[in-house]
Protein backbone atom coordinates (compact mmCIF):
# COMPACT_ATOMS: atom_id res chain seq x y z
CA MET A 1 0.52 8.97 -14.90
CA ASP A 2 3.44 10.01 -12.15
CA ARG A 3 1.05 9.15 -9.46
CA VAL A 4 -2.20 7.44 -8.33
CA LEU A 5 -4.34 8.16 -5.47
CA VAL A 6 -5.74 5.23 -3.76
CA LYS A 7 -7.51 4.44 -0.45
CA LEU A 8 -5.05 2.11 1.80
CA ILE A 9 -7.06 0.43 4.55
CA ILE A 10 -4.72 -0.98 7.58
CA PRO A 11 -6.55 -3.41 9.21
CA MET A 12 -4.33 -3.89 12.28
CA LEU A 13 -5.08 -0.55 12.94
CA GLY A 14 -8.47 -0.45 12.04
CA LYS A 15 -7.48 3.06 9.95
CA SER A 16 -7.62 3.92 6.48
CA TYR A 17 -5.73 6.65 4.42
CA TYR A 18 -5.85 8.07 1.17
CA VAL A 19 -2.30 8.43 -0.27
CA TRP A 20 -0.53 9.12 -3.58
CA LEU A 21 1.64 6.35 -4.93
CA PRO A 22 4.50 6.81 -7.22
CA ALA A 23 3.70 4.79 -10.71
CA HIS A 24 7.30 4.48 -11.23
CA LYS A 25 8.58 2.80 -8.20
CA ARG A 26 8.24 -1.45 -7.43
CA LEU A 27 5.75 -2.39 -5.01
CA TYR A 28 8.03 -3.48 -2.38
CA SER A 29 9.83 0.17 -2.16
CA ILE A 30 6.30 1.24 -1.79
CA ILE A 31 5.04 -1.00 0.81
CA ASN A 32 8.63 0.18 2.97
CA LEU A 33 7.76 3.59 2.30
CA LEU A 34 4.00 3.01 3.45
CA ILE A 35 5.56 1.17 6.39
CA LYS A 36 7.86 4.44 7.62
CA SER A 37 4.57 6.89 7.35
CA ILE A 38 2.06 4.40 9.15
CA ASN A 39 4.71 4.58 11.62
CA GLU A 40 5.35 8.10 12.42
CA LEU A 41 1.60 9.05 12.15
CA ASN A 42 0.88 5.82 14.25
CA ASN A 43 4.13 6.01 17.09
CA ASN A 44 5.22 3.38 15.89
CA SER A 45 2.25 0.94 16.67
CA PHE A 46 2.16 -0.40 13.22
CA SER A 47 5.06 -3.76 13.64
CA THR A 48 5.34 -6.67 11.31
CA SER A 49 7.29 -9.50 11.51
CA SER A 50 7.80 -9.73 7.94
CA THR A 51 7.18 -7.78 4.99
CA PRO A 52 3.22 -7.19 4.65
CA LEU A 53 1.52 -7.35 1.44
CA LEU A 54 -0.54 -5.19 -0.51
CA TYR A 55 -3.83 -6.76 -1.98
CA ASP A 56 -7.11 -5.22 -3.85
CA LYS A 57 -9.81 -5.04 -2.23
CA VAL A 58 -12.77 -5.80 -4.43
CA THR A 59 -10.81 -9.23 -5.64
CA SER A 60 -8.58 -10.32 -2.34
CA GLU A 61 -5.82 -10.63 -4.50
CA PRO A 62 -2.22 -10.16 -3.53
CA TYR A 63 -0.28 -7.46 -5.87
CA ASN A 64 3.22 -9.14 -7.11
CA ILE A 65 6.13 -7.14 -4.87
CA ASN A 66 8.21 -7.23 -7.89
CA LEU A 67 5.93 -4.93 -9.80
CA SER A 68 5.55 -1.24 -10.49
CA ILE A 69 2.44 0.42 -10.09
CA LYS A 70 2.04 0.99 -13.90
CA GLU A 71 2.42 -2.74 -14.13
CA THR A 72 -0.66 -3.88 -12.35
CA THR A 73 -4.28 -2.98 -11.97
CA ILE A 74 -3.33 -0.07 -9.62
CA ARG A 75 -5.23 2.86 -10.75
CA ASN A 76 -7.18 6.04 -9.06
CA GLY A 77 -9.40 5.41 -6.29
CA SER A 78 -8.21 1.53 -6.18
CA GLU A 79 -8.85 0.52 -2.50
CA LEU A 80 -5.37 -1.36 -1.30
CA ILE A 81 -5.33 -3.52 1.95
CA LEU A 82 -2.12 -3.90 3.58
CA ILE A 83 -1.70 -7.25 5.81
């Protein structure tokens, strides 16, 4: 498993995207990449004062940003919320 396909929901913008995430990277670096990508797609309209967290849509639990995708329950088809 080199990468996983997830549905990323961004309530602040009212949008969702399907994205491939690298399984070996830590979540904090993935979140930074996601923020850059979202801003490019939305004319820098996604701005936060602090680093947002990824939440599991089913359990509403936040993911530990120090873990890699492999070390979490994130798999193909997971739905994640970026808040």
